[in-house]
Amino acid sequence: MSRKQTLMMRLKSKGQTQSECRVDRAVLFPAAQRPKRSSSIPLNPVLQTSLEEVELLYEFLLAELEISPDLKISIKDEELASLRKAADFHSICNDVIPKRIPDIRRLTASLSSHPGILKKEDFERTVLTLAYTAYRTARAEGHQKDVWAQALLSLFHALRHDLMRSSGPRESL
């Protein structure tokens, strides 16, 4: 086989892998691709687009959050809750991230077979799912505590694996 044919085959297989990755990435958080009709949230909302927004996300997480019996998450601090990014935080936490054990297990299974490094928004949503799962683990009792703790551990391992991949050496063509 000539060098040109080999190069064309590698480029074609890389293109197929990238298109498969796009499909896999959309599957991680399907609710981000189909917001509720009654909601004014943008398609595929993202919180972190600058360093200031990363710091704001940490402020949201460190502020006292409230989770209602119907699993709606809200920021108790009225000043923080009034910010424009708080609306995005609210919609991601309430409309995008999974909150039930079967959905979290589906996410961790998808993450374990996910090729490559997570996109910024997928990483962000996985971290928010991890924070939610930690909260639920702390509040659970008995057998439910074990179930939530296992989900928490699985998410942690998936995030650690992604961080290890992203800090490793880059492959070149």
Protein backbone atom coordinates (compact mmCIF):
# COMPACT_ATOMS: atom_id res chain seq x y z
CA MET A 1 0.00 0.00 0.00
CA SER A 2 1.31 3.46 -0.86
CA ARG A 3 1.88 6.20 1.73
CA LYS A 4 -0.97 8.21 0.23
CA GLN A 5 -3.43 5.31 0.58
CA THR A 6 -2.28 4.65 4.16
CA LEU A 7 -2.70 8.31 5.07
CA MET A 8 -6.17 8.42 3.48
CA MET A 9 -7.24 5.31 5.42
CA ARG A 10 -5.99 6.81 8.71
CA LEU A 11 -7.80 10.09 8.04
CA LYS A 12 -10.98 8.26 7.10
CA SER A 13 -10.89 6.12 10.26
CA LYS A 14 -10.13 9.21 12.38
CA GLY A 15 -13.13 10.97 10.80
CA GLN A 16 -15.35 8.00 11.60
CA THR A 17 -14.07 7.94 15.19
CA GLN A 18 -14.76 11.66 15.59
CA SER A 19 -18.30 11.31 14.23
CA GLU A 20 -18.89 8.35 16.57
CA CYS A 21 -17.61 10.50 19.46
CA ARG A 22 -20.12 13.21 18.59
CA VAL A 23 -22.92 10.66 18.79
CA ASP A 24 -21.62 9.28 22.11
CA ARG A 25 -21.28 12.76 23.59
CA ALA A 26 -24.88 13.64 22.76
CA VAL A 27 -25.98 10.49 24.59
CA LEU A 28 -24.27 11.41 27.89
CA PHE A 29 -26.83 14.10 28.77
CA PRO A 30 -29.76 13.72 26.38
CA ALA A 31 -31.90 16.23 28.31
CA ALA A 32 -29.48 19.02 27.29
CA GLN A 33 -30.41 18.42 23.66
CA ARG A 34 -34.16 18.63 24.24
CA PRO A 35 -35.13 21.30 26.78
CA LYS A 36 -38.67 21.46 28.10
CA ARG A 37 -41.11 23.53 26.07
CA SER A 38 -42.20 25.54 29.10
CA SER A 39 -38.60 26.47 29.88
CA SER A 40 -36.68 29.41 28.47
CA ILE A 41 -33.33 27.65 28.80
CA PRO A 42 -31.07 27.57 25.76
CA LEU A 43 -30.34 24.35 23.92
CA ASN A 44 -27.32 22.66 25.51
CA PRO A 45 -26.69 25.21 28.32
CA VAL A 46 -23.15 25.65 29.70
CA LEU A 47 -22.09 27.39 32.91
CA GLN A 48 -18.34 27.73 32.49
CA THR A 49 -17.22 29.86 29.58
CA SER A 50 -14.67 31.97 31.51
CA LEU A 51 -12.60 31.84 34.68
CA GLU A 52 -15.05 34.18 36.40
CA GLU A 53 -17.90 31.77 35.63
CA VAL A 54 -15.88 28.85 37.02
CA GLU A 55 -15.46 30.80 40.26
CA LEU A 56 -19.18 31.62 40.23
CA LEU A 57 -20.02 27.93 39.87
CA TYR A 58 -17.97 27.20 42.98
CA GLU A 59 -19.84 29.97 44.80
CA PHE A 60 -23.14 28.33 43.80
CA LEU A 61 -21.93 24.96 45.06
CA LEU A 62 -20.55 26.39 48.30
CA ALA A 63 -23.70 28.42 48.95
CA GLU A 64 -26.48 26.67 50.75
CA LEU A 65 -28.47 24.67 48.20
CA GLU A 66 -31.94 23.37 48.80
CA ILE A 67 -33.35 20.21 47.29
CA SER A 68 -37.12 20.01 47.49
CA PRO A 69 -39.07 16.75 47.91
CA ASP A 70 -39.67 16.74 44.13
CA LEU A 71 -35.85 16.93 43.68
CA LYS A 72 -35.76 20.53 42.44
CA ILE A 73 -32.47 22.24 43.30
CA SER A 74 -32.36 25.93 44.22
CA ILE A 75 -29.85 28.37 45.67
CA LYS A 76 -30.99 29.70 49.06
CA ASP A 77 -28.86 32.88 48.90
CA GLU A 78 -31.19 35.42 47.22
CA GLU A 79 -28.34 37.57 45.91
CA LEU A 80 -26.63 34.62 44.20
CA ALA A 81 -29.97 33.24 43.00
CA SER A 82 -30.74 36.54 41.26
CA LEU A 83 -27.70 36.36 38.96
CA ARG A 84 -28.19 35.55 35.28
CA LYS A 85 -25.87 32.51 35.50
CA ALA A 86 -27.96 31.21 38.42
CA ALA A 87 -30.79 30.64 35.94
CA ASP A 88 -28.46 28.46 33.83
CA PHE A 89 -27.30 26.65 36.97
CA HIS A 90 -30.92 26.06 37.96
CA SER A 91 -31.86 24.71 34.53
CA ILE A 92 -28.83 22.42 34.27
CA CYS A 93 -29.37 21.06 37.78
CA ASN A 94 -33.11 20.61 37.35
CA ASP A 95 -33.53 19.77 33.67
CA VAL A 96 -30.24 18.22 32.49
CA ILE A 97 -28.36 16.20 35.11
CA PRO A 98 -29.75 12.81 36.11
CA LYS A 99 -31.20 12.50 39.60
CA ARG A 100 -32.43 8.92 39.77
CA ILE A 101 -30.15 5.93 40.38
CA PRO A 102 -31.02 4.17 37.07
CA ASP A 103 -30.23 7.36 35.13
CA ILE A 104 -26.97 7.88 37.03
CA ARG A 105 -25.99 4.26 36.36
CA ARG A 106 -26.70 4.77 32.66
CA LEU A 107 -24.49 7.86 32.73
CA THR A 108 -21.61 6.06 34.44
CA ALA A 109 -21.87 3.17 31.96
CA SER A 110 -21.75 5.67 29.09
CA LEU A 111 -18.79 7.45 30.69
CA SER A 112 -16.86 4.21 31.12
CA SER A 113 -17.14 3.43 27.41
CA HIS A 114 -16.70 7.03 26.25
CA PRO A 115 -13.76 7.42 23.87
CA GLY A 116 -11.46 10.38 24.31
CA ILE A 117 -11.73 13.32 26.67
CA LEU A 118 -15.07 14.72 27.80
CA LYS A 119 -16.23 18.00 26.36
CA LYS A 120 -16.24 20.91 28.79
CA GLU A 121 -20.03 20.86 29.21
CA ASP A 122 -20.10 17.07 29.74
CA PHE A 123 -17.37 17.33 32.37
CA GLU A 124 -19.26 20.18 34.07
CA ARG A 125 -22.52 18.20 34.12
CA THR A 126 -20.76 15.10 35.44
CA VAL A 127 -19.26 17.15 38.28
CA LEU A 128 -22.70 18.57 39.10
CA THR A 129 -24.13 15.04 39.04
CA LEU A 130 -21.33 13.99 41.41
CA ALA A 131 -22.18 16.87 43.79
CA TYR A 132 -25.88 15.93 43.71
CA THR A 133 -25.04 12.26 44.31
CA ALA A 134 -22.82 13.21 47.28
CA TYR A 135 -25.72 15.17 48.76
CA ARG A 136 -28.11 12.25 48.30
CA THR A 137 -25.55 9.82 49.77
CA ALA A 138 -25.23 11.98 52.88
CA ARG A 139 -29.03 12.11 53.32
CA ALA A 140 -29.75 8.42 52.61
CA GLU A 141 -30.06 5.69 55.21
CA GLY A 142 -29.65 1.92 55.27
CA HIS A 143 -29.50 0.09 51.94
CA GLN A 144 -30.22 3.31 50.02
CA LYS A 145 -27.03 4.85 51.43
CA ASP A 146 -25.03 1.95 49.95
CA VAL A 147 -26.75 2.37 46.57
CA TRP A 148 -26.04 6.12 46.46
CA ALA A 149 -22.46 5.60 47.71
CA GLN A 150 -21.81 3.14 44.87
CA ALA A 151 -23.15 5.65 42.34
CA LEU A 152 -20.93 8.34 43.89
CA LEU A 153 -17.88 6.12 43.66
CA SER A 154 -18.61 5.22 40.03
CA LEU A 155 -18.92 8.91 39.07
CA PHE A 156 -15.72 9.73 40.93
CA HIS A 157 -13.82 6.99 39.06
CA ALA A 158 -15.20 8.19 35.71
CA LEU A 159 -14.12 11.78 36.40
CA ARG A 160 -10.70 10.69 37.64
CA HIS A 161 -10.24 8.55 34.54
CA ASP A 162 -11.15 11.51 32.31
CA LEU A 163 -8.72 13.79 34.17
CA MET A 164 -5.94 11.21 33.82
CA ARG A 165 -6.59 10.95 30.08
CA SER A 166 -6.64 14.72 29.64
CA SER A 167 -3.32 15.18 31.47
CA GLY A 168 -1.58 12.36 29.60
CA PRO A 169 0.58 12.67 26.50
CA ARG A 170 -1.16 13.72 23.29
CA GLU A 171 -1.23 11.38 20.31
CA SER A 172 -0.09 12.72 16.98
CA LEU A 173 -0.88 11.59 13.45
